[in-house]
Amino acid sequence: MHKILLPALFALLTTTAYAAPALRAEVSVNRPVITVGDMFEDAGLLAEKALFRAPLPGTTGIVSLDAVRTAAARAGLLDYTQEGILNVRVERQATIIDATALTALIRADLESRGLLAAGVEVETRFETPGLSFNAENVPVPAALATLQYQPGAAGFTARFNIAGLDLPVDVRGRLDLMVEAPHLATSLKAGDTITPSDIEMKRVPLDFADRSGIQSLDQLVGKQLRRTSRAGVMLKAADITEPLVVHRNTQVSVLLHNGPMTLTVIGQSLGDAVAGQSVQVMNTVTRKILSGVASANGSVEITTAAAQLKLAGL
């Protein structure tokens, strides 16, 4: 039995060790050169030898059997199998570099140069619409070589190096720096208090926001509108005021302080006031008019001497 099995096993190992390379029907590469190992299975020691120049990234090509035979022979490969293959389809992998990717590179450059403040977004409008390049599928498929841009001037010129392209790519366009600004989500009347649900954030040009003096969200909530405003209006500093705590012609508690002593009377406000603002009130009994300061709780506080208490009729 051993005498029978040993020759058979030797023949099997010999066949496996010297199996002829097999031509592939489809080849996908991620580099500019197609090697014997790309084109043939079991290429052995010839695997790293170059056969053809690969097509451009993101494209495919058809290689005839005659071209394969000639290139393989030149590389030293004469014996291989093709198993009914009529031609070879070659694909070169690619990464799509579009306007979004180019904009991200521009933004990163502006940030590194300290030209982009926190919260500011970059919007690009390229002179050539629909920009798209097939780059090699590598860790860094594109890089910004140069950017000519001056703060305050919208126009820019940029040069990019695209992996797989022999020459750099030059593009021109316009940069818009945008920032989110609060807008009314619903129409409100003068005197209405602003709540978080009344505000939605929308992007506006940074220079317009700077000129308009927009407020942040936390500076708006709890404030009152000076005038009736419709939904969609951007809120500016001039549009809001601190909420009124004292209203004209309404009864208020008047606290009169004299040293450690505090007296409370009922008065009538003669004007509107926000917290901390001066307002005149009238003693409803004596009809005397005093000046005080509105408190956040809606009362009016007066710090006065004894003579003033006498004037107030107390």
C-alpha atoms as a PDB file:
ATOM      1  CA  MET A   1       0.000   0.000   0.000  1.00  0.00           C
ATOM      2  CA  HIS A   2       2.792   2.488   0.851  1.00  0.00           C
ATOM      3  CA  LYS A   3       4.446   1.741  -2.469  1.00  0.00           C
ATOM      4  CA  ILE A   4       1.211   2.684  -4.269  1.00  0.00           C
ATOM      5  CA  LEU A   5       0.390   5.877  -2.272  1.00  0.00           C
ATOM      6  CA  LEU A   6       3.814   7.502  -2.297  1.00  0.00           C
ATOM      7  CA  PRO A   7       4.093   7.971  -6.106  1.00  0.00           C
ATOM      8  CA  ALA A   8       0.534   9.295  -6.229  1.00  0.00           C
ATOM      9  CA  LEU A   9       1.217  11.790  -3.422  1.00  0.00           C
ATOM     10  CA  PHE A  10       4.462  12.908  -5.103  1.00  0.00           C
ATOM     11  CA  ALA A  11       2.624  13.425  -8.382  1.00  0.00           C
ATOM     12  CA  LEU A  12      -0.051  15.513  -6.590  1.00  0.00           C
ATOM     13  CA  LEU A  13       2.509  17.715  -4.861  1.00  0.00           C
ATOM     14  CA  THR A  14       4.425  18.169  -8.093  1.00  0.00           C
ATOM     15  CA  THR A  15       1.259  19.196  -9.941  1.00  0.00           C
ATOM     16  CA  THR A  16       0.314  21.684  -7.193  1.00  0.00           C
ATOM     17  CA  ALA A  17       3.757  23.211  -6.969  1.00  0.00           C
ATOM     18  CA  TYR A  18       4.041  23.769 -10.686  1.00  0.00           C
ATOM     19  CA  ALA A  19       0.422  24.764 -11.461  1.00  0.00           C
ATOM     20  CA  ALA A  20       0.388  27.139 -14.428  1.00  0.00           C
ATOM     21  CA  PRO A  21      -0.712  30.731 -13.731  1.00  0.00           C
ATOM     22  CA  ALA A  22      -4.351  31.419 -14.665  1.00  0.00           C
ATOM     23  CA  LEU A  23      -5.448  34.544 -16.514  1.00  0.00           C
ATOM     24  CA  ARG A  24      -8.125  36.595 -14.743  1.00  0.00           C
ATOM     25  CA  ALA A  25     -11.160  37.841 -16.664  1.00  0.00           C
ATOM     26  CA  GLU A  26     -11.451  40.972 -14.518  1.00  0.00           C
ATOM     27  CA  VAL A  27      -8.724  42.982 -12.804  1.00  0.00           C
ATOM     28  CA  SER A  28      -9.140  45.819 -10.269  1.00  0.00           C
ATOM     29  CA  VAL A  29      -6.097  47.852  -9.273  1.00  0.00           C
ATOM     30  CA  ASN A  30      -5.363  50.876  -7.121  1.00  0.00           C
ATOM     31  CA  ARG A  31      -2.084  52.009  -8.695  1.00  0.00           C
ATOM     32  CA  PRO A  32      -0.827  53.239 -12.060  1.00  0.00           C
ATOM     33  CA  VAL A  33       0.808  49.936 -13.131  1.00  0.00           C
ATOM     34  CA  ILE A  34      -0.724  46.482 -13.697  1.00  0.00           C
ATOM     35  CA  THR A  35       1.584  43.650 -12.672  1.00  0.00           C
ATOM     36  CA  VAL A  36       1.723  39.961 -13.545  1.00  0.00           C
ATOM     37  CA  GLY A  37       0.228  39.206 -10.127  1.00  0.00           C
ATOM     38  CA  ASP A  38      -2.725  41.508 -10.876  1.00  0.00           C
ATOM     39  CA  MET A  39      -3.401  39.832 -14.226  1.00  0.00           C
ATOM     40  CA  PHE A  40      -2.726  36.183 -13.289  1.00  0.00           C
ATOM     41  CA  GLU A  41      -3.527  33.936 -10.372  1.00  0.00           C
ATOM     42  CA  ASP A  42      -0.574  31.917  -9.010  1.00  0.00           C
ATOM     43  CA  ALA A  43       1.926  34.241 -10.700  1.00  0.00           C
ATOM     44  CA  GLY A  44       4.743  33.073  -8.471  1.00  0.00           C
ATOM     45  CA  LEU A  45       8.093  34.846  -8.661  1.00  0.00           C
ATOM     46  CA  LEU A  46       6.946  36.974 -11.599  1.00  0.00           C
ATOM     47  CA  ALA A  47       4.074  38.561  -9.623  1.00  0.00           C
ATOM     48  CA  GLU A  48       5.731  41.964  -9.160  1.00  0.00           C
ATOM     49  CA  LYS A  49       6.775  42.438 -12.791  1.00  0.00           C
ATOM     50  CA  ALA A  50       4.965  45.206 -14.656  1.00  0.00           C
ATOM     51  CA  LEU A  51       2.749  44.416 -17.631  1.00  0.00           C
ATOM     52  CA  PHE A  52       0.671  47.484 -18.555  1.00  0.00           C
ATOM     53  CA  ARG A  53      -0.008  51.043 -17.547  1.00  0.00           C
ATOM     54  CA  ALA A  54      -3.348  51.157 -15.703  1.00  0.00           C
ATOM     55  CA  PRO A  55      -6.197  53.321 -16.965  1.00  0.00           C
ATOM     56  CA  LEU A  56      -6.942  56.630 -15.247  1.00  0.00           C
ATOM     57  CA  PRO A  57      -8.580  56.456 -11.773  1.00  0.00           C
ATOM     58  CA  GLY A  58     -12.286  55.716 -12.018  1.00  0.00           C
ATOM     59  CA  THR A  59     -12.084  54.333 -15.565  1.00  0.00           C
ATOM     60  CA  THR A  60     -11.937  50.873 -17.137  1.00  0.00           C
ATOM     61  CA  GLY A  61     -10.198  49.384 -20.138  1.00  0.00           C
ATOM     62  CA  ILE A  62     -10.362  46.205 -22.209  1.00  0.00           C
ATOM     63  CA  VAL A  63      -7.117  44.326 -22.915  1.00  0.00           C
ATOM     64  CA  SER A  64      -7.033  41.869 -25.809  1.00  0.00           C
ATOM     65  CA  LEU A  65      -5.530  38.395 -25.489  1.00  0.00           C
ATOM     66  CA  ASP A  66      -2.865  39.299 -28.040  1.00  0.00           C
ATOM     67  CA  ALA A  67      -1.771  42.242 -25.875  1.00  0.00           C
ATOM     68  CA  VAL A  68      -1.763  40.013 -22.792  1.00  0.00           C
ATOM     69  CA  ARG A  69       0.323  37.369 -24.584  1.00  0.00           C
ATOM     70  CA  THR A  70       2.890  39.926 -25.788  1.00  0.00           C
ATOM     71  CA  ALA A  71       3.228  41.640 -22.387  1.00  0.00           C
ATOM     72  CA  ALA A  72       3.388  38.355 -20.498  1.00  0.00           C
ATOM     73  CA  ALA A  73       6.138  37.036 -22.784  1.00  0.00           C
ATOM     74  CA  ARG A  74       8.087  40.245 -22.308  1.00  0.00           C
ATOM     75  CA  ALA A  75       7.851  39.714 -18.535  1.00  0.00           C
ATOM     76  CA  GLY A  76       9.041  36.092 -18.900  1.00  0.00           C
ATOM     77  CA  LEU A  77       5.676  34.362 -18.519  1.00  0.00           C
ATOM     78  CA  LEU A  78       5.085  31.895 -21.387  1.00  0.00           C
ATOM     79  CA  ASP A  79       3.003  29.134 -19.860  1.00  0.00           C
ATOM     80  CA  TYR A  80      -0.456  30.030 -18.473  1.00  0.00           C
ATOM     81  CA  THR A  81      -4.105  29.078 -18.851  1.00  0.00           C
ATOM     82  CA  GLN A  82      -6.942  31.319 -20.034  1.00  0.00           C
ATOM     83  CA  GLU A  83      -9.953  28.976 -19.843  1.00  0.00           C
ATOM     84  CA  GLY A  84     -12.100  30.507 -22.583  1.00  0.00           C
ATOM     85  CA  ILE A  85     -11.449  34.158 -21.666  1.00  0.00           C
ATOM     86  CA  LEU A  86     -11.810  36.402 -24.726  1.00  0.00           C
ATOM     87  CA  ASN A  87     -10.400  39.596 -23.206  1.00  0.00           C
ATOM     88  CA  VAL A  88      -9.586  41.132 -19.820  1.00  0.00           C
ATOM     89  CA  ARG A  89     -11.510  43.970 -18.231  1.00  0.00           C
ATOM     90  CA  VAL A  90      -9.235  46.251 -16.182  1.00  0.00           C
ATOM     91  CA  GLU A  91     -10.639  48.711 -13.624  1.00  0.00           C
ATOM     92  CA  ARG A  92      -8.733  51.330 -11.663  1.00  0.00           C
ATOM     93  CA  GLN A  93     -10.292  52.212  -8.320  1.00  0.00           C
ATOM     94  CA  ALA A  94     -10.974  55.861  -7.499  1.00  0.00           C
ATOM     95  CA  THR A  95     -12.128  58.308  -4.852  1.00  0.00           C
ATOM     96  CA  ILE A  96     -14.484  61.037  -6.052  1.00  0.00           C
ATOM     97  CA  ILE A  97     -13.224  64.535  -5.248  1.00  0.00           C
ATOM     98  CA  ASP A  98     -16.126  66.935  -5.679  1.00  0.00           C
ATOM     99  CA  ALA A  99     -16.953  70.501  -4.665  1.00  0.00           C
ATOM    100  CA  THR A 100     -17.722  69.404  -1.103  1.00  0.00           C
ATOM    101  CA  ALA A 101     -14.301  67.790  -0.703  1.00  0.00           C
ATOM    102  CA  LEU A 102     -12.535  70.813  -2.199  1.00  0.00           C
ATOM    103  CA  THR A 103     -14.457  73.160   0.111  1.00  0.00           C
ATOM    104  CA  ALA A 104     -13.378  71.086   3.144  1.00  0.00           C
ATOM    105  CA  LEU A 105      -9.725  71.527   2.130  1.00  0.00           C
ATOM    106  CA  ILE A 106     -10.207  75.290   1.746  1.00  0.00           C
ATOM    107  CA  ARG A 107     -11.904  75.516   5.141  1.00  0.00           C
ATOM    108  CA  ALA A 108      -9.078  73.579   6.813  1.00  0.00           C
ATOM    109  CA  ASP A 109      -6.536  75.985   5.307  1.00  0.00           C
ATOM    110  CA  LEU A 110      -8.449  79.070   6.500  1.00  0.00           C
ATOM    111  CA  GLU A 111      -8.717  77.614  10.001  1.00  0.00           C
ATOM    112  CA  SER A 112      -4.988  76.847  10.132  1.00  0.00           C
ATOM    113  CA  ARG A 113      -4.246  80.459   9.160  1.00  0.00           C
ATOM    114  CA  GLY A 114      -6.591  81.833  11.829  1.00  0.00           C
ATOM    115  CA  LEU A 115      -8.933  83.367   9.254  1.00  0.00           C
ATOM    116  CA  LEU A 116     -12.033  81.479  10.334  1.00  0.00           C
ATOM    117  CA  ALA A 117     -13.687  82.205  13.673  1.00  0.00           C
ATOM    118  CA  ALA A 118     -15.565  79.568  15.648  1.00  0.00           C
ATOM    119  CA  GLY A 119     -19.106  79.008  14.378  1.00  0.00           C
ATOM    120  CA  VAL A 120     -18.388  80.416  10.907  1.00  0.00           C
ATOM    121  CA  GLU A 121     -19.042  78.140   7.922  1.00  0.00           C
ATOM    122  CA  VAL A 122     -17.553  78.376   4.437  1.00  0.00           C
ATOM    123  CA  GLU A 123     -19.693  78.222   1.306  1.00  0.00           C
ATOM    124  CA  THR A 124     -17.924  78.101  -2.053  1.00  0.00           C
ATOM    125  CA  ARG A 125     -19.260  78.991  -5.474  1.00  0.00           C
ATOM    126  CA  PHE A 126     -16.877  77.664  -8.093  1.00  0.00           C
ATOM    127  CA  GLU A 127     -16.727  79.306 -11.516  1.00  0.00           C
ATOM    128  CA  THR A 128     -16.991  75.830 -13.054  1.00  0.00           C
ATOM    129  CA  PRO A 129     -20.186  74.136 -11.838  1.00  0.00           C
ATOM    130  CA  GLY A 130     -20.314  70.432 -11.038  1.00  0.00           C
ATOM    131  CA  LEU A 131     -16.607  70.022 -10.288  1.00  0.00           C
ATOM    132  CA  SER A 132     -15.664  66.354  -9.890  1.00  0.00           C
ATOM    133  CA  PHE A 133     -12.363  64.492 -10.210  1.00  0.00           C
ATOM    134  CA  ASN A 134     -11.473  60.807 -10.038  1.00  0.00           C
ATOM    135  CA  ALA A 135      -8.549  60.496  -7.653  1.00  0.00           C
ATOM    136  CA  GLU A 136      -6.599  57.408  -6.691  1.00  0.00           C
ATOM    137  CA  ASN A 137      -8.180  55.489  -3.844  1.00  0.00           C
ATOM    138  CA  VAL A 138      -5.419  56.377  -1.372  1.00  0.00           C
ATOM    139  CA  PRO A 139      -5.445  57.782   2.198  1.00  0.00           C
ATOM    140  CA  VAL A 140      -4.871  61.351   0.917  1.00  0.00           C
ATOM    141  CA  PRO A 141      -6.571  61.561  -2.482  1.00  0.00           C
ATOM    142  CA  ALA A 142      -6.384  65.371  -2.724  1.00  0.00           C
ATOM    143  CA  ALA A 143      -4.408  68.198  -1.139  1.00  0.00           C
ATOM    144  CA  LEU A 144      -4.569  71.986  -1.327  1.00  0.00           C
ATOM    145  CA  ALA A 145      -1.323  73.320  -2.793  1.00  0.00           C
ATOM    146  CA  THR A 146      -2.049  77.076  -2.733  1.00  0.00           C
ATOM    147  CA  LEU A 147      -4.954  79.367  -1.843  1.00  0.00           C
ATOM    148  CA  GLN A 148      -5.046  83.012  -2.842  1.00  0.00           C
ATOM    149  CA  TYR A 149      -7.671  84.733  -0.706  1.00  0.00           C
ATOM    150  CA  GLN A 150      -7.824  87.980   1.234  1.00  0.00           C
ATOM    151  CA  PRO A 151     -10.290  88.453   4.128  1.00  0.00           C
ATOM    152  CA  GLY A 152     -13.076  90.776   3.030  1.00  0.00           C
ATOM    153  CA  ALA A 153     -12.589  89.929  -0.651  1.00  0.00           C
ATOM    154  CA  ALA A 154     -14.960  87.203  -1.810  1.00  0.00           C
ATOM    155  CA  GLY A 155     -12.943  85.991  -4.819  1.00  0.00           C
ATOM    156  CA  PHE A 156     -10.349  83.218  -4.499  1.00  0.00           C
ATOM    157  CA  THR A 157      -8.003  81.097  -6.610  1.00  0.00           C
ATOM    158  CA  ALA A 158      -6.894  77.653  -5.460  1.00  0.00           C
ATOM    159  CA  ARG A 159      -4.592  74.931  -6.761  1.00  0.00           C
ATOM    160  CA  PHE A 160      -5.138  71.288  -5.803  1.00  0.00           C
ATOM    161  CA  ASN A 161      -3.008  68.196  -6.261  1.00  0.00           C
ATOM    162  CA  ILE A 162      -5.230  65.232  -7.143  1.00  0.00           C
ATOM    163  CA  ALA A 163      -3.711  61.778  -6.646  1.00  0.00           C
ATOM    164  CA  GLY A 164      -3.517  60.001  -9.988  1.00  0.00           C
ATOM    165  CA  LEU A 165      -3.593  63.169 -12.103  1.00  0.00           C
ATOM    166  CA  ASP A 166      -0.280  64.235 -13.611  1.00  0.00           C
ATOM    167  CA  LEU A 167      -1.002  67.971 -13.466  1.00  0.00           C
ATOM    168  CA  PRO A 168      -2.411  70.126 -10.623  1.00  0.00           C
ATOM    169  CA  VAL A 169      -5.956  71.453 -10.875  1.00  0.00           C
ATOM    170  CA  ASP A 170      -6.582  75.226 -10.715  1.00  0.00           C
ATOM    171  CA  VAL A 171     -10.026  76.506  -9.733  1.00  0.00           C
ATOM    172  CA  ARG A 172     -11.504  79.945  -9.168  1.00  0.00           C
ATOM    173  CA  GLY A 173     -14.625  81.081  -7.403  1.00  0.00           C
ATOM    174  CA  ARG A 174     -16.195  82.988  -4.549  1.00  0.00           C
ATOM    175  CA  LEU A 175     -16.038  82.339  -0.818  1.00  0.00           C
ATOM    176  CA  ASP A 176     -19.018  83.206   1.366  1.00  0.00           C
ATOM    177  CA  LEU A 177     -18.484  83.119   5.126  1.00  0.00           C
ATOM    178  CA  MET A 178     -21.760  82.230   6.796  1.00  0.00           C
ATOM    179  CA  VAL A 179     -22.951  82.258  10.393  1.00  0.00           C
ATOM    180  CA  GLU A 180     -26.161  81.056  11.995  1.00  0.00           C
ATOM    181  CA  ALA A 181     -28.448  83.851  13.129  1.00  0.00           C
ATOM    182  CA  PRO A 182     -31.749  83.743  15.054  1.00  0.00           C
ATOM    183  CA  HIS A 183     -34.938  84.319  13.071  1.00  0.00           C
ATOM    184  CA  LEU A 184     -38.522  84.415  14.248  1.00  0.00           C
ATOM    185  CA  ALA A 185     -40.247  81.084  13.651  1.00  0.00           C
ATOM    186  CA  THR A 186     -43.659  82.664  14.156  1.00  0.00           C
ATOM    187  CA  SER A 187     -45.158  86.136  13.972  1.00  0.00           C
ATOM    188  CA  LEU A 188     -45.240  88.024  17.293  1.00  0.00           C
ATOM    189  CA  LYS A 189     -46.759  91.275  18.483  1.00  0.00           C
ATOM    190  CA  ALA A 190     -45.001  94.176  20.146  1.00  0.00           C
ATOM    191  CA  GLY A 191     -44.464  93.392  23.826  1.00  0.00           C
ATOM    192  CA  ASP A 192     -44.581  89.615  23.377  1.00  0.00           C
ATOM    193  CA  THR A 193     -41.964  87.707  25.341  1.00  0.00           C
ATOM    194  CA  ILE A 194     -39.658  85.548  23.219  1.00  0.00           C
ATOM    195  CA  THR A 195     -39.473  81.823  24.021  1.00  0.00           C
ATOM    196  CA  PRO A 196     -37.089  79.186  22.562  1.00  0.00           C
ATOM    197  CA  SER A 197     -39.848  77.822  20.318  1.00  0.00           C
ATOM    198  CA  ASP A 198     -40.255  81.279  18.750  1.00  0.00           C
ATOM    199  CA  ILE A 199     -36.714  81.144  17.290  1.00  0.00           C
ATOM    200  CA  GLU A 200     -35.135  79.187  14.447  1.00  0.00           C
ATOM    201  CA  MET A 201     -31.507  79.458  13.349  1.00  0.00           C
ATOM    202  CA  LYS A 202     -30.705  80.240   9.721  1.00  0.00           C
ATOM    203  CA  ARG A 203     -27.451  80.969   7.923  1.00  0.00           C
ATOM    204  CA  VAL A 204     -26.699  84.517   6.824  1.00  0.00           C
ATOM    205  CA  PRO A 205     -23.521  86.146   5.450  1.00  0.00           C
ATOM    206  CA  LEU A 206     -21.065  86.987   8.206  1.00  0.00           C
ATOM    207  CA  ASP A 207     -20.596  90.617   7.135  1.00  0.00           C
ATOM    208  CA  PHE A 208     -24.380  91.157   7.145  1.00  0.00           C
ATOM    209  CA  ALA A 209     -24.622  89.645  10.621  1.00  0.00           C
ATOM    210  CA  ASP A 210     -21.824  91.886  11.880  1.00  0.00           C
ATOM    211  CA  ARG A 211     -23.487  95.009  10.473  1.00  0.00           C
ATOM    212  CA  SER A 212     -26.882  94.066  11.897  1.00  0.00           C
ATOM    213  CA  GLY A 213     -25.672  93.313  15.406  1.00  0.00           C
ATOM    214  CA  ILE A 214     -27.421  89.973  15.824  1.00  0.00           C
ATOM    215  CA  GLN A 215     -27.893  88.454  19.249  1.00  0.00           C
ATOM    216  CA  SER A 216     -27.186  84.926  20.419  1.00  0.00           C
ATOM    217  CA  LEU A 217     -30.033  82.635  21.433  1.00  0.00           C
ATOM    218  CA  ASP A 218     -29.477  83.075  25.169  1.00  0.00           C
ATOM    219  CA  GLN A 219     -29.580  86.862  24.738  1.00  0.00           C
ATOM    220  CA  LEU A 220     -33.050  86.671  23.181  1.00  0.00           C
ATOM    221  CA  VAL A 221     -35.064  84.238  25.265  1.00  0.00           C
ATOM    222  CA  GLY A 222     -37.098  86.081  27.878  1.00  0.00           C
ATOM    223  CA  LYS A 223     -36.779  89.446  26.120  1.00  0.00           C
ATOM    224  CA  GLN A 224     -39.683  91.387  24.614  1.00  0.00           C
ATOM    225  CA  LEU A 225     -40.196  92.634  21.082  1.00  0.00           C
ATOM    226  CA  ARG A 226     -40.223  96.371  20.580  1.00  0.00           C
ATOM    227  CA  ARG A 227     -42.504  96.120  17.548  1.00  0.00           C
ATOM    228  CA  THR A 228     -44.774  93.608  15.826  1.00  0.00           C
ATOM    229  CA  SER A 229     -42.642  91.299  13.643  1.00  0.00           C
ATOM    230  CA  ARG A 230     -43.535  88.619  11.125  1.00  0.00           C
ATOM    231  CA  ALA A 231     -42.163  85.071  10.930  1.00  0.00           C
ATOM    232  CA  GLY A 232     -38.822  84.782   9.132  1.00  0.00           C
ATOM    233  CA  VAL A 233     -37.421  88.120  10.305  1.00  0.00           C
ATOM    234  CA  MET A 234     -33.855  88.048  11.602  1.00  0.00           C
ATOM    235  CA  LEU A 235     -33.720  89.361  15.155  1.00  0.00           C
ATOM    236  CA  LYS A 236     -31.321  92.238  15.824  1.00  0.00           C
ATOM    237  CA  ALA A 237     -30.318  94.102  18.959  1.00  0.00           C
ATOM    238  CA  ALA A 238     -32.612  96.996  18.045  1.00  0.00           C
ATOM    239  CA  ASP A 239     -35.630  94.658  17.869  1.00  0.00           C
ATOM    240  CA  ILE A 240     -35.681  93.595  21.523  1.00  0.00           C
ATOM    241  CA  THR A 241     -35.825  95.054  24.968  1.00  0.00           C
ATOM    242  CA  GLU A 242     -35.690  93.773  28.501  1.00  0.00           C
ATOM    243  CA  PRO A 243     -39.146  92.640  29.682  1.00  0.00           C
ATOM    244  CA  LEU A 244     -41.199  95.314  31.422  1.00  0.00           C
ATOM    245  CA  VAL A 245     -41.690  94.615  35.110  1.00  0.00           C
ATOM    246  CA  VAL A 246     -43.692  97.810  35.745  1.00  0.00           C
ATOM    247  CA  HIS A 247     -46.443  99.000  33.408  1.00  0.00           C
ATOM    248  CA  ARG A 248     -47.879 102.484  33.091  1.00  0.00           C
ATOM    249  CA  ASN A 249     -51.084 103.246  35.030  1.00  0.00           C
ATOM    250  CA  THR A 250     -51.000 100.024  37.053  1.00  0.00           C
ATOM    251  CA  GLN A 251     -50.901  99.537  40.815  1.00  0.00           C
ATOM    252  CA  VAL A 252     -47.517  98.593  42.254  1.00  0.00           C
ATOM    253  CA  SER A 253     -46.089  97.925  45.683  1.00  0.00           C
ATOM    254  CA  VAL A 254     -43.814 100.766  46.735  1.00  0.00           C
ATOM    255  CA  LEU A 255     -41.102  99.898  49.248  1.00  0.00           C
ATOM    256  CA  LEU A 256     -39.723 102.931  51.083  1.00  0.00           C
ATOM    257  CA  HIS A 257     -36.407 102.256  52.797  1.00  0.00           C
ATOM    258  CA  ASN A 258     -35.059 104.526  55.522  1.00  0.00           C
ATOM    259  CA  GLY A 259     -32.076 102.925  57.203  1.00  0.00           C
ATOM    260  CA  PRO A 260     -33.213  99.651  58.814  1.00  0.00           C
ATOM    261  CA  MET A 261     -36.876 100.602  58.402  1.00  0.00           C
ATOM    262  CA  THR A 262     -38.971  99.626  55.345  1.00  0.00           C
ATOM    263  CA  LEU A 263     -42.508 100.819  54.729  1.00  0.00           C
ATOM    264  CA  THR A 264     -44.825  99.452  52.049  1.00  0.00           C
ATOM    265  CA  VAL A 265     -47.558 101.457  50.363  1.00  0.00           C
ATOM    266  CA  ILE A 266     -49.626 101.040  47.216  1.00  0.00           C
ATOM    267  CA  GLY A 267     -48.809 103.365  44.367  1.00  0.00           C
ATOM    268  CA  GLN A 268     -49.664 103.923  40.747  1.00  0.00           C
ATOM    269  CA  SER A 269     -46.893 103.741  38.177  1.00  0.00           C
ATOM    270  CA  LEU A 270     -46.612 106.729  35.881  1.00  0.00           C
ATOM    271  CA  GLY A 271     -44.525 104.929  33.248  1.00  0.00           C
ATOM    272  CA  ASP A 272     -43.176 101.636  31.968  1.00  0.00           C
ATOM    273  CA  ALA A 273     -39.902 100.284  33.356  1.00  0.00           C
ATOM    274  CA  VAL A 274     -37.631  97.267  33.101  1.00  0.00           C
ATOM    275  CA  ALA A 275     -35.772  95.895  36.112  1.00  0.00           C
ATOM    276  CA  GLY A 276     -33.248  98.431  37.385  1.00  0.00           C
ATOM    277  CA  GLN A 277     -34.811 101.350  35.520  1.00  0.00           C
ATOM    278  CA  SER A 278     -36.030 104.539  37.214  1.00  0.00           C
ATOM    279  CA  VAL A 279     -39.779 105.079  37.285  1.00  0.00           C
ATOM    280  CA  GLN A 280     -42.114 107.582  38.936  1.00  0.00           C
ATOM    281  CA  VAL A 281     -44.990 106.431  41.101  1.00  0.00           C
ATOM    282  CA  MET A 282     -47.823 108.280  42.783  1.00  0.00           C
ATOM    283  CA  ASN A 283     -48.982 107.620  46.322  1.00  0.00           C
ATOM    284  CA  THR A 284     -52.663 106.794  45.725  1.00  0.00           C
ATOM    285  CA  VAL A 285     -53.648 108.282  49.108  1.00  0.00           C
ATOM    286  CA  THR A 286     -51.641 111.497  49.280  1.00  0.00           C
ATOM    287  CA  ARG A 287     -51.303 111.942  45.479  1.00  0.00           C
ATOM    288  CA  LYS A 288     -47.622 112.711  46.042  1.00  0.00           C
ATOM    289  CA  ILE A 289     -45.172 111.676  43.277  1.00  0.00           C
ATOM    290  CA  LEU A 290     -41.920 109.879  44.109  1.00  0.00           C
ATOM    291  CA  SER A 291     -39.103 108.472  42.006  1.00  0.00           C
ATOM    292  CA  GLY A 292     -37.881 104.900  42.542  1.00  0.00           C
ATOM    293  CA  VAL A 293     -36.271 101.950  40.833  1.00  0.00           C
ATOM    294  CA  ALA A 294     -38.219  99.031  39.374  1.00  0.00           C
ATOM    295  CA  SER A 295     -37.388  95.594  40.828  1.00  0.00           C
ATOM    296  CA  ALA A 296     -37.516  92.271  38.983  1.00  0.00           C
ATOM    297  CA  ASN A 297     -40.553  91.224  41.050  1.00  0.00           C
ATOM    298  CA  GLY A 298     -42.550  94.254  39.828  1.00  0.00           C
ATOM    299  CA  SER A 299     -42.286  96.420  42.936  1.00  0.00           C
ATOM    300  CA  VAL A 300     -40.709  99.870  43.109  1.00  0.00           C
ATOM    301  CA  GLU A 301     -38.054 100.512  45.709  1.00  0.00           C
ATOM    302  CA  ILE A 302     -37.298 103.975  47.131  1.00  0.00           C
ATOM    303  CA  THR A 303     -34.429 104.708  49.468  1.00  0.00           C
ATOM    304  CA  THR A 304     -35.241 108.010  51.128  1.00  0.00           C
ATOM    305  CA  ALA A 305     -34.570 110.209  54.139  1.00  0.00           C
ATOM    306  CA  ALA A 306     -37.151 111.079  56.798  1.00  0.00           C
ATOM    307  CA  ALA A 307     -37.954 114.291  55.013  1.00  0.00           C
ATOM    308  CA  GLN A 308     -38.927 112.353  51.921  1.00  0.00           C
ATOM    309  CA  LEU A 309     -41.113 110.067  53.959  1.00  0.00           C
ATOM    310  CA  LYS A 310     -42.911 113.149  55.229  1.00  0.00           C
ATOM    311  CA  LEU A 311     -43.251 114.364  51.646  1.00  0.00           C
ATOM    312  CA  ALA A 312     -44.826 111.030  50.812  1.00  0.00           C
ATOM    313  CA  GLY A 313     -47.327 111.609  53.580  1.00  0.00           C
ATOM    314  CA  LEU A 314     -45.951 108.887  55.869  1.00  0.00           C
END
